[in-house]
């Protein structure tokens, strides 16, 4: 499916949603949405989100992965991805109650089909593998402004030595806490990106992980 040139405004729940499907969202606008403006739901989704604009998302303000029953994307995000299979290119997210871009790359609902992998050999002959074992699809040219964090990445290749992904040409500014947070993640390069704090009132952390973050590479960053 292709969703192009559309607007969702003043929505009490999620805005544009890909649920276990192959969808391309291009040149759409979401304004004043509660929860998440653009979302993928169960982790096995594929497709793309290109040149979309998410403005003023609100929500619970609670920690993003703290609820049971697969209740995600409620905190106030511009883009919430439950899986790694959707390309994210040249999107803008501004005025978000929580992280502008949140990718929680694990699922208790679905596996990721091997046929949709860029490198099917990563599945080692299986038809499908856990979502948290799949490298992130293209993520480039995205911009985040005025939120708690610009980008959160959870559970990316946590226990997998194979496969690698790149965050490229990402811009984050006007954040209340920091630029990029990547707990429980590995096999990831962040390059050619700008993370801008407030020079008049410096606070927060540009790039942060936790004790489980591993095999991260940083190239040509402006912080």
Protein backbone atom coordinates (compact mmCIF):
# COMPACT_ATOMS: atom_id res chain seq x y z
CA UNK A 1 0.00 0.00 0.00
CA UNK A 2 1.04 3.62 -0.58
CA UNK A 3 -0.23 6.51 1.59
CA UNK A 4 0.83 9.83 0.07
CA UNK A 5 0.00 13.52 0.59
CA UNK A 6 -2.46 12.90 3.43
CA UNK A 7 -3.14 14.67 6.73
CA UNK A 8 -4.15 13.35 10.15
CA UNK A 9 -5.01 16.11 12.64
CA UNK A 10 -6.31 16.25 16.23
CA UNK A 11 -6.36 12.46 16.55
CA UNK A 12 -7.02 10.90 19.99
CA UNK A 13 -4.89 7.84 19.16
CA UNK A 14 -2.15 6.88 16.73
CA UNK A 15 -2.07 8.69 13.38
CA UNK A 16 -0.57 6.73 10.45
CA UNK A 17 -0.05 3.03 11.28
CA UNK A 18 1.54 0.04 9.52
CA UNK A 19 0.33 -3.14 11.23
CA UNK A 20 2.14 -6.29 10.03
CA UNK A 21 2.02 -5.02 6.44
CA UNK A 22 4.11 -3.55 3.61
CA UNK A 23 3.30 0.17 3.47
CA UNK A 24 5.04 3.24 2.04
CA UNK A 25 4.13 6.55 3.73
CA UNK A 26 5.34 9.57 1.72
CA UNK A 27 4.80 13.34 2.07
CA UNK A 28 2.18 13.09 4.83
CA UNK A 29 1.50 15.39 7.78
CA UNK A 30 0.36 14.48 11.30
CA UNK A 31 -0.60 17.30 13.67
CA UNK A 32 -1.69 17.21 17.31
CA UNK A 33 -1.83 13.42 17.56
CA UNK A 34 -1.95 11.59 20.90
CA UNK A 35 0.49 8.71 21.41
CA UNK A 36 2.48 8.47 18.16
CA UNK A 37 1.99 10.26 14.86
CA UNK A 38 3.54 7.52 12.68
CA UNK A 39 3.83 3.96 14.01
CA UNK A 40 4.56 0.33 13.24
CA UNK A 41 2.78 -2.03 15.58
CA UNK A 42 4.08 -5.59 15.88
CA UNK A 43 7.70 -5.62 14.64
CA UNK A 44 7.51 -7.53 11.35
CA UNK A 45 6.44 -4.54 9.22
CA UNK A 46 8.29 -3.54 6.03
CA UNK A 47 8.11 -0.56 3.70
CA UNK A 48 9.21 3.05 4.13
CA UNK A 49 8.45 6.41 5.71
CA UNK A 50 9.79 9.25 3.54
CA UNK A 51 9.46 13.04 3.84
CA UNK A 52 6.74 12.94 6.46
CA UNK A 53 6.12 15.67 9.04
CA UNK A 54 4.99 15.05 12.62
CA UNK A 55 4.14 18.14 14.69
CA UNK A 56 2.99 18.40 18.29
CA UNK A 57 2.47 14.88 19.57
CA UNK A 58 1.37 14.44 23.17
CA UNK A 59 0.67 11.45 25.37
CA UNK A 60 1.19 9.82 28.73
CA UNK A 61 4.73 11.13 29.11
CA UNK A 62 5.54 7.80 30.78
CA UNK A 63 8.63 5.72 30.07
CA UNK A 64 8.15 4.28 26.60
CA UNK A 65 8.43 0.51 27.25
CA UNK A 66 6.99 0.25 30.75
CA UNK A 67 3.44 -0.98 30.06
CA UNK A 68 2.21 -4.60 29.73
CA UNK A 69 -0.08 -6.11 27.07
CA UNK A 70 1.89 -4.78 24.11
CA UNK A 71 0.73 -1.24 24.87
CA UNK A 72 3.42 0.81 23.14
CA UNK A 73 3.89 4.23 21.61
CA UNK A 74 1.74 6.08 24.11
CA UNK A 75 4.16 8.68 25.46
CA UNK A 76 4.02 11.27 22.67
CA UNK A 77 6.33 10.39 19.76
CA UNK A 78 6.61 11.63 16.23
CA UNK A 79 7.68 8.20 14.95
CA UNK A 80 7.37 4.92 16.87
CA UNK A 81 8.78 1.76 15.25
CA UNK A 82 8.28 -1.62 16.88
CA UNK A 83 10.57 -3.29 14.33
CA UNK A 84 13.60 -2.59 12.13
CA UNK A 85 12.19 -3.30 8.64
CA UNK A 86 10.84 0.12 7.60
CA UNK A 87 13.13 2.65 5.88
CA UNK A 88 13.16 6.10 7.52
CA UNK A 89 14.32 8.86 5.15
CA UNK A 90 14.06 12.68 5.36
CA UNK A 91 11.32 12.82 7.98
CA UNK A 92 10.84 15.74 10.41
CA UNK A 93 9.46 15.45 13.93
CA UNK A 94 8.89 18.55 16.08
CA UNK A 95 7.23 19.38 19.38
CA UNK A 96 6.98 15.88 20.83
CA UNK A 97 6.08 14.99 24.41
CA UNK A 98 8.67 12.21 24.47
CA UNK A 99 11.36 11.08 22.00
CA UNK A 100 10.89 12.34 18.44
CA UNK A 101 12.01 9.02 16.93
CA UNK A 102 11.60 5.86 19.06
CA UNK A 103 12.57 2.42 17.77
CA UNK A 104 11.92 -0.43 20.21
CA UNK A 105 13.21 -3.27 18.07
CA UNK A 106 11.75 -6.33 19.78
CA UNK A 107 8.37 -8.05 19.65
CA UNK A 108 6.41 -10.65 21.56
CA UNK A 109 3.80 -10.76 18.76
CA UNK A 110 5.67 -11.64 15.57
CA UNK A 111 8.90 -12.92 14.07
CA UNK A 112 10.60 -11.17 11.16
CA UNK A 113 10.37 -13.10 7.89
CA UNK A 114 13.72 -14.06 6.37
CA UNK A 115 12.51 -13.21 2.86
CA UNK A 116 12.37 -9.55 3.94
CA UNK A 117 15.98 -9.40 5.15
CA UNK A 118 18.49 -7.46 3.06
CA UNK A 119 20.79 -10.42 3.66
CA UNK A 120 18.65 -13.58 4.03
CA UNK A 121 21.72 -15.55 5.12
CA UNK A 122 21.41 -13.87 8.53
CA UNK A 123 18.45 -16.18 9.17
CA UNK A 124 20.73 -19.24 8.92
CA UNK A 125 18.12 -21.22 7.02
CA UNK A 126 15.14 -20.30 9.20
CA UNK A 127 11.94 -18.91 7.66
CA UNK A 128 11.72 -16.22 10.34
CA UNK A 129 13.87 -14.90 13.19
CA UNK A 130 13.35 -12.73 16.30
CA UNK A 131 12.80 -9.06 15.55
CA UNK A 132 15.70 -8.07 17.82
CA UNK A 133 18.09 -10.08 15.59
CA UNK A 134 17.43 -7.97 12.47
CA UNK A 135 19.64 -5.01 11.46
CA UNK A 136 17.89 -1.67 11.15
CA UNK A 137 16.81 -0.62 7.65
CA UNK A 138 17.98 2.66 6.13
CA UNK A 139 17.79 5.61 8.53
CA UNK A 140 19.05 8.83 6.94
CA UNK A 141 18.31 12.53 6.67
CA UNK A 142 15.85 12.63 9.58
CA UNK A 143 15.42 15.73 11.77
CA UNK A 144 14.18 16.01 15.37
CA UNK A 145 13.34 19.23 17.20
CA UNK A 146 11.89 20.07 20.63
CA UNK A 147 11.33 16.80 22.49
CA UNK A 148 12.90 14.87 25.37
CA UNK A 149 15.35 13.06 23.05
CA UNK A 150 15.92 13.08 19.34
CA UNK A 151 16.24 9.32 18.90
CA UNK A 152 15.85 6.23 21.09
CA UNK A 153 16.99 2.79 19.84
CA UNK A 154 16.30 -0.25 22.02
CA UNK A 155 17.29 -3.91 21.54
CA UNK A 156 19.08 -3.49 18.21
CA UNK A 157 21.12 -6.66 17.56
CA UNK A 158 21.54 -7.12 21.29
CA UNK A 159 22.85 -10.70 21.11
CA UNK A 160 23.72 -11.02 17.41
CA UNK A 161 27.34 -10.80 16.19
CA UNK A 162 26.23 -10.57 12.53
CA UNK A 163 24.65 -7.69 10.68
CA UNK A 164 25.30 -3.98 11.11
CA UNK A 165 23.21 -0.84 10.69
CA UNK A 166 23.84 2.88 10.16
CA UNK A 167 22.23 6.05 11.50
CA UNK A 168 23.25 8.62 8.87
CA UNK A 169 22.80 12.40 8.54
CA UNK A 170 20.60 12.72 11.63
CA UNK A 171 19.95 16.16 13.17
CA UNK A 172 18.68 16.65 16.72
CA UNK A 173 18.25 20.01 18.41
CA UNK A 174 16.26 21.68 21.16
CA UNK A 175 16.08 18.49 23.28
CA UNK A 176 15.37 18.51 27.00
CA UNK A 177 17.51 15.45 27.87
CA UNK A 178 19.78 14.53 24.97
CA UNK A 179 20.35 13.53 21.38
CA UNK A 180 20.54 9.72 21.03
CA UNK A 181 19.90 6.97 23.57
CA UNK A 182 20.78 3.38 22.58
CA UNK A 183 20.36 0.98 25.52
CA UNK A 184 20.54 -2.81 24.99
CA UNK A 185 21.86 -2.25 21.46
CA UNK A 186 24.90 -3.08 19.36
CA UNK A 187 26.29 -3.41 15.85
CA UNK A 188 25.41 0.18 15.04
CA UNK A 189 27.21 3.11 13.40
CA UNK A 190 26.19 6.74 13.94
CA UNK A 191 27.76 9.03 11.34
CA UNK A 192 27.53 12.43 9.63
CA UNK A 193 25.11 13.68 12.29
CA UNK A 194 24.54 16.89 14.27
CA UNK A 195 23.42 16.83 17.91
CA UNK A 196 22.86 20.35 19.19
CA UNK A 197 22.27 21.37 22.79
CA UNK A 198 21.45 24.74 24.30
CA UNK A 199 24.67 26.75 24.59
CA UNK A 200 22.99 29.17 27.01
CA UNK A 201 21.91 26.36 29.33
CA UNK A 202 23.97 23.21 28.64
CA UNK A 203 22.42 20.00 29.98
CA UNK A 204 21.91 16.34 29.13
CA UNK A 205 23.95 13.86 27.09
CA UNK A 206 24.54 13.82 23.35
CA UNK A 207 24.87 10.01 22.98
CA UNK A 208 24.09 7.59 25.79
CA UNK A 209 23.89 3.82 26.24
CA UNK A 210 23.85 1.45 29.19
CA UNK A 211 25.97 -1.45 30.41
CA UNK A 212 24.55 -3.68 27.66
CA UNK A 213 25.36 -1.32 24.78
CA UNK A 214 28.17 -2.78 22.64
CA UNK A 215 30.00 -2.52 19.31
CA UNK A 216 28.99 1.07 18.57
CA UNK A 217 30.88 3.17 16.02
CA UNK A 218 30.84 6.98 15.79
CA UNK A 219 32.01 8.75 12.63
CA UNK A 220 32.12 12.44 11.65
CA UNK A 221 29.78 13.76 14.34
CA UNK A 222 29.20 17.43 15.22
CA UNK A 223 28.15 17.73 18.87
